[in-house]
PDB file of N, CA and C in Angstrom:
ATOM      1  N   MET A   1      41.857 133.202 -22.122  1.00  0.00           N
ATOM      2  CA  MET A   1      42.497 131.958 -21.670  1.00  0.00           C
ATOM      3  C   MET A   1      41.451 130.899 -21.324  1.00  0.00           C
ATOM      4  N   LYS A   2      40.405 131.324 -20.644  1.00  0.00           N
ATOM      5  CA  LYS A   2      39.356 130.368 -20.255  1.00  0.00           C
ATOM      6  C   LYS A   2      38.700 129.761 -21.489  1.00  0.00           C
ATOM      7  N   LYS A   3      38.509 130.594 -22.505  1.00  0.00           N
ATOM      8  CA  LYS A   3      37.880 130.090 -23.735  1.00  0.00           C
ATOM      9  C   LYS A   3      38.729 128.979 -24.349  1.00  0.00           C
ATOM     10  N   ILE A   4      40.037 129.216 -24.384  1.00  0.00           N
ATOM     11  CA  ILE A   4      40.942 128.223 -24.977  1.00  0.00           C
ATOM     12  C   ILE A   4      40.868 126.924 -24.182  1.00  0.00           C
ATOM     13  N   ILE A   5      40.856 127.043 -22.851  1.00  0.00           N
ATOM     14  CA  ILE A   5      40.782 125.853 -21.993  1.00  0.00           C
ATOM     15  C   ILE A   5      39.476 125.109 -22.265  1.00  0.00           C
ATOM     16  N   LEU A   6      38.383 125.855 -22.368  1.00  0.00           N
ATOM     17  CA  LEU A   6      37.081 125.232 -22.619  1.00  0.00           C
ATOM     18  C   LEU A   6      37.082 124.531 -23.975  1.00  0.00           C
ATOM     19  N   GLU A   7      37.659 125.190 -24.978  1.00  0.00           N
ATOM     20  CA  GLU A   7      37.726 124.580 -26.308  1.00  0.00           C
ATOM     21  C   GLU A   7      38.560 123.304 -26.266  1.00  0.00           C
ATOM     22  N   ASN A   8      39.674 123.358 -25.539  1.00  0.00           N
ATOM     23  CA  ASN A   8      40.522 122.168 -25.411  1.00  0.00           C
ATOM     24  C   ASN A   8      39.764 121.045 -24.719  1.00  0.00           C
ATOM     25  N   LEU A   9      38.991 121.387 -23.702  1.00  0.00           N
ATOM     26  CA  LEU A   9      38.199 120.380 -22.991  1.00  0.00           C
ATOM     27  C   LEU A   9      37.168 119.770 -23.932  1.00  0.00           C
ATOM     28  N   LEU A  10      36.545 120.623 -24.743  1.00  0.00           N
ATOM     29  CA  LEU A  10      35.554 120.124 -25.704  1.00  0.00           C
ATOM     30  C   LEU A  10      36.216 119.179 -26.700  1.00  0.00           C
ATOM     31  N   ILE A  11      37.369 119.590 -27.203  1.00  0.00           N
ATOM     32  CA  ILE A  11      38.096 118.746 -28.160  1.00  0.00           C
ATOM     33  C   ILE A  11      38.456 117.420 -27.497  1.00  0.00           C
ATOM     34  N   LYS A  12      38.904 117.492 -26.234  1.00  0.00           N
ATOM     35  CA  LYS A  12      39.248 116.267 -25.499  1.00  0.00           C
ATOM     36  C   LYS A  12      38.030 115.367 -25.380  1.00  0.00           C
ATOM     37  N   LYS A  13      36.897 115.952 -25.037  1.00  0.00           N
ATOM     38  CA  LYS A  13      35.661 115.166 -24.890  1.00  0.00           C
ATOM     39  C   LYS A  13      35.289 114.510 -26.207  1.00  0.00           C
ATOM     40  N   ILE A  14      35.370 115.279 -27.286  1.00  0.00           N
ATOM     41  CA  ILE A  14      35.019 114.746 -28.608  1.00  0.00           C
ATOM     42  C   ILE A  14      35.970 113.610 -28.974  1.00  0.00           C
ATOM     43  N   LEU A  15      37.262 113.815 -28.703  1.00  0.00           N
ATOM     44  CA  LEU A  15      38.249 112.774 -29.002  1.00  0.00           C
ATOM     45  C   LEU A  15      37.972 111.536 -28.169  1.00  0.00           C
ATOM     46  N   ASP A  16      37.674 111.729 -26.886  1.00  0.00           N
ATOM     47  CA  ASP A  16      37.369 110.592 -26.013  1.00  0.00           C
ATOM     48  C   ASP A  16      36.159 109.831 -26.544  1.00  0.00           C
ATOM     49  N   ASN A  17      35.141 110.571 -26.964  1.00  0.00           N
ATOM     50  CA  ASN A  17      33.928 109.932 -27.485  1.00  0.00           C
ATOM     51  C   ASN A  17      34.237 109.150 -28.756  1.00  0.00           C
ATOM     52  N   SER A  18      35.045 109.748 -29.635  1.00  0.00           N
ATOM     53  CA  SER A  18      35.382 109.062 -30.885  1.00  0.00           C
ATOM     54  C   SER A  18      36.208 107.814 -30.590  1.00  0.00           C
ATOM     55  N   VAL A  19      37.090 107.902 -29.594  1.00  0.00           N
ATOM     56  CA  VAL A  19      37.888 106.724 -29.210  1.00  0.00           C
ATOM     57  C   VAL A  19      36.959 105.644 -28.671  1.00  0.00           C
ATOM     58  N   ARG A  20      35.981 106.047 -27.879  1.00  0.00           N
ATOM     59  CA  ARG A  20      35.018 105.084 -27.328  1.00  0.00           C
ATOM     60  C   ARG A  20      34.240 104.414 -28.451  1.00  0.00           C
ATOM     61  N   ILE A  21      33.831 105.205 -29.433  1.00  0.00           N
ATOM     62  CA  ILE A  21      33.062 104.650 -30.555  1.00  0.00           C
ATOM     63  C   ILE A  21      33.928 103.634 -31.303  1.00  0.00           C
ATOM     64  N   VAL A  22      35.183 103.996 -31.529  1.00  0.00           N
ATOM     65  CA  VAL A  22      36.099 103.081 -32.229  1.00  0.00           C
ATOM     66  C   VAL A  22      36.277 101.814 -31.408  1.00  0.00           C
ATOM     67  N   LYS A  23      36.439 101.966 -30.092  1.00  0.00           N
ATOM     68  CA  LYS A  23      36.599 100.800 -29.217  1.00  0.00           C
ATOM     69  C   LYS A  23      35.352  99.931 -29.286  1.00  0.00           C
ATOM     70  N   GLN A  24      34.174 100.559 -29.285  1.00  0.00           N
ATOM     71  CA  GLN A  24      32.927  99.797 -29.350  1.00  0.00           C
ATOM     72  C   GLN A  24      32.831  99.051 -30.675  1.00  0.00           C
ATOM     73  N   GLN A  25      33.362  99.666 -31.742  1.00  0.00           N
ATOM     74  CA  GLN A  25      33.317  99.004 -33.045  1.00  0.00           C
ATOM     75  C   GLN A  25      34.273  97.817 -33.087  1.00  0.00           C
ATOM     76  N   TYR A  26      35.418  97.956 -32.407  1.00  0.00           N
ATOM     77  CA  TYR A  26      36.422  96.895 -32.450  1.00  0.00           C
ATOM     78  C   TYR A  26      36.227  95.853 -31.357  1.00  0.00           C
ATOM     79  N   MET A  27      35.599  96.248 -30.248  1.00  0.00           N
ATOM     80  CA  MET A  27      35.406  95.312 -29.141  1.00  0.00           C
ATOM     81  C   MET A  27      34.586  94.083 -29.546  1.00  0.00           C
ATOM     82  N   PRO A  28      33.485  94.228 -30.275  1.00  0.00           N
ATOM     83  CA  PRO A  28      32.708  93.041 -30.659  1.00  0.00           C
ATOM     84  C   PRO A  28      33.564  92.012 -31.406  1.00  0.00           C
ATOM     85  N   THR A  29      34.484  92.478 -32.247  1.00  0.00           N
ATOM     86  CA  THR A  29      35.320  91.540 -32.996  1.00  0.00           C
ATOM     87  C   THR A  29      36.245  90.802 -32.041  1.00  0.00           C
ATOM     88  N   THR A  30      36.794  91.515 -31.047  1.00  0.00           N
ATOM     89  CA  THR A  30      37.682  90.852 -30.087  1.00  0.00           C
ATOM     90  C   THR A  30      36.868  89.953 -29.166  1.00  0.00           C
ATOM     91  N   LYS A  31      35.616  90.319 -28.913  1.00  0.00           N
ATOM     92  CA  LYS A  31      34.761  89.493 -28.054  1.00  0.00           C
ATOM     93  C   LYS A  31      34.296  88.251 -28.810  1.00  0.00           C
ATOM     94  N   SER A  32      34.069  88.373 -30.099  1.00  0.00           N
ATOM     95  CA  SER A  32      33.573  87.239 -30.878  1.00  0.00           C
ATOM     96  C   SER A  32      34.690  86.236 -31.159  1.00  0.00           C
ATOM     97  N   ARG A  33      35.931  86.693 -31.116  1.00  0.00           N
ATOM     98  CA  ARG A  33      37.054  85.785 -31.376  1.00  0.00           C
ATOM     99  C   ARG A  33      37.141  84.675 -30.329  1.00  0.00           C
ATOM    100  N   PRO A  34      37.050  85.002 -29.025  1.00  0.00           N
ATOM    101  CA  PRO A  34      37.073  83.907 -28.044  1.00  0.00           C
ATOM    102  C   PRO A  34      35.919  82.926 -28.259  1.00  0.00           C
ATOM    103  N   SER A  35      34.740  83.427 -28.597  1.00  0.00           N
ATOM    104  CA  SER A  35      33.592  82.548 -28.826  1.00  0.00           C
ATOM    105  C   SER A  35      33.850  81.668 -30.053  1.00  0.00           C
ATOM    106  N   GLN A  36      34.501  82.245 -31.071  1.00  0.00           N
ATOM    107  CA  GLN A  36      34.855  81.444 -32.242  1.00  0.00           C
ATOM    108  C   GLN A  36      35.841  80.349 -31.849  1.00  0.00           C
ATOM    109  N   LYS A  37      36.782  80.701 -30.952  1.00  0.00           N
ATOM    110  CA  LYS A  37      37.738  79.702 -30.464  1.00  0.00           C
ATOM    111  C   LYS A  37      36.992  78.611 -29.705  1.00  0.00           C
ATOM    112  N   LYS A  38      36.022  79.011 -28.890  1.00  0.00           N
ATOM    113  CA  LYS A  38      35.224  78.039 -28.140  1.00  0.00           C
ATOM    114  C   LYS A  38      34.494  77.111 -29.110  1.00  0.00           C
ATOM    115  N   ILE A  39      33.928  77.699 -30.149  1.00  0.00           N
ATOM    116  CA  ILE A  39      33.215  76.893 -31.148  1.00  0.00           C
ATOM    117  C   ILE A  39      34.208  75.927 -31.807  1.00  0.00           C
ATOM    118  N   ALA A  40      35.417  76.430 -32.074  1.00  0.00           N
ATOM    119  CA  ALA A  40      36.447  75.591 -32.700  1.00  0.00           C
ATOM    120  C   ALA A  40      36.824  74.448 -31.767  1.00  0.00           C
ATOM    121  N   ILE A  41      36.821  74.722 -30.460  1.00  0.00           N
ATOM    122  CA  ILE A  41      37.143  73.669 -29.479  1.00  0.00           C
ATOM    123  C   ILE A  41      35.990  72.664 -29.407  1.00  0.00           C
ATOM    124  N   ILE A  42      34.761  73.165 -29.469  1.00  0.00           N
ATOM    125  CA  ILE A  42      33.587  72.286 -29.366  1.00  0.00           C
ATOM    126  C   ILE A  42      33.489  71.401 -30.614  1.00  0.00           C
ATOM    127  N   HIS A  43      33.794  71.964 -31.773  1.00  0.00           N
ATOM    128  CA  HIS A  43      33.635  71.225 -33.030  1.00  0.00           C
ATOM    129  C   HIS A  43      34.454  69.936 -33.077  1.00  0.00           C
ATOM    130  N   PRO A  44      35.746  69.962 -32.699  1.00  0.00           N
ATOM    131  CA  PRO A  44      36.503  68.697 -32.708  1.00  0.00           C
ATOM    132  C   PRO A  44      35.855  67.651 -31.805  1.00  0.00           C
ATOM    133  N   GLU A  45      35.309  68.083 -30.672  1.00  0.00           N
ATOM    134  CA  GLU A  45      34.642  67.145 -29.762  1.00  0.00           C
ATOM    135  C   GLU A  45      33.447  66.495 -30.456  1.00  0.00           C
ATOM    136  N   SER A  46      32.636  67.317 -31.118  1.00  0.00           N
ATOM    137  CA  SER A  46      31.468  66.775 -31.812  1.00  0.00           C
ATOM    138  C   SER A  46      31.918  65.896 -32.983  1.00  0.00           C
ATOM    139  N   ALA A  47      33.053  66.266 -33.581  1.00  0.00           N
ATOM    140  CA  ALA A  47      33.584  65.460 -34.688  1.00  0.00           C
ATOM    141  C   ALA A  47      34.017  64.093 -34.174  1.00  0.00           C
ATOM    142  N   THR A  48      34.633  64.073 -32.991  1.00  0.00           N
ATOM    143  CA  THR A  48      35.065  62.787 -32.418  1.00  0.00           C
ATOM    144  C   THR A  48      33.843  61.965 -32.026  1.00  0.00           C
ATOM    145  N   ILE A  49      32.784  62.640 -31.581  1.00  0.00           N
ATOM    146  CA  ILE A  49      31.560  61.922 -31.197  1.00  0.00           C
ATOM    147  C   ILE A  49      30.925  61.309 -32.447  1.00  0.00           C
ATOM    148  N   THR A  50      30.886  62.085 -33.542  1.00  0.00           N
ATOM    149  CA  THR A  50      30.283  61.582 -34.775  1.00  0.00           C
ATOM    150  C   THR A  50      31.124  60.433 -35.341  1.00  0.00           C
ATOM    151  N   LYS A  51      32.449  60.494 -35.141  1.00  0.00           N
ATOM    152  CA  LYS A  51      33.322  59.404 -35.601  1.00  0.00           C
ATOM    153  C   LYS A  51      33.043  58.166 -34.758  1.00  0.00           C
TER     154      LYS A  51
END
C-alpha cells in the first residue's frame, strides 16, 4: 500500500511539474499581451504627436 501511495505522490509531483512548465510556457504570452496593449495605446499618442 505504501508503495502505491509513494508512486501516486511521484506521479502527482511529475504532473504538477509538467503543469508548471506549461504555465511557464504560456505565461510569457499572457504577460506580453498587456505590454502589446500598452504599446498599442502609446502608438496612437505618438501618431497624434506626429500629426
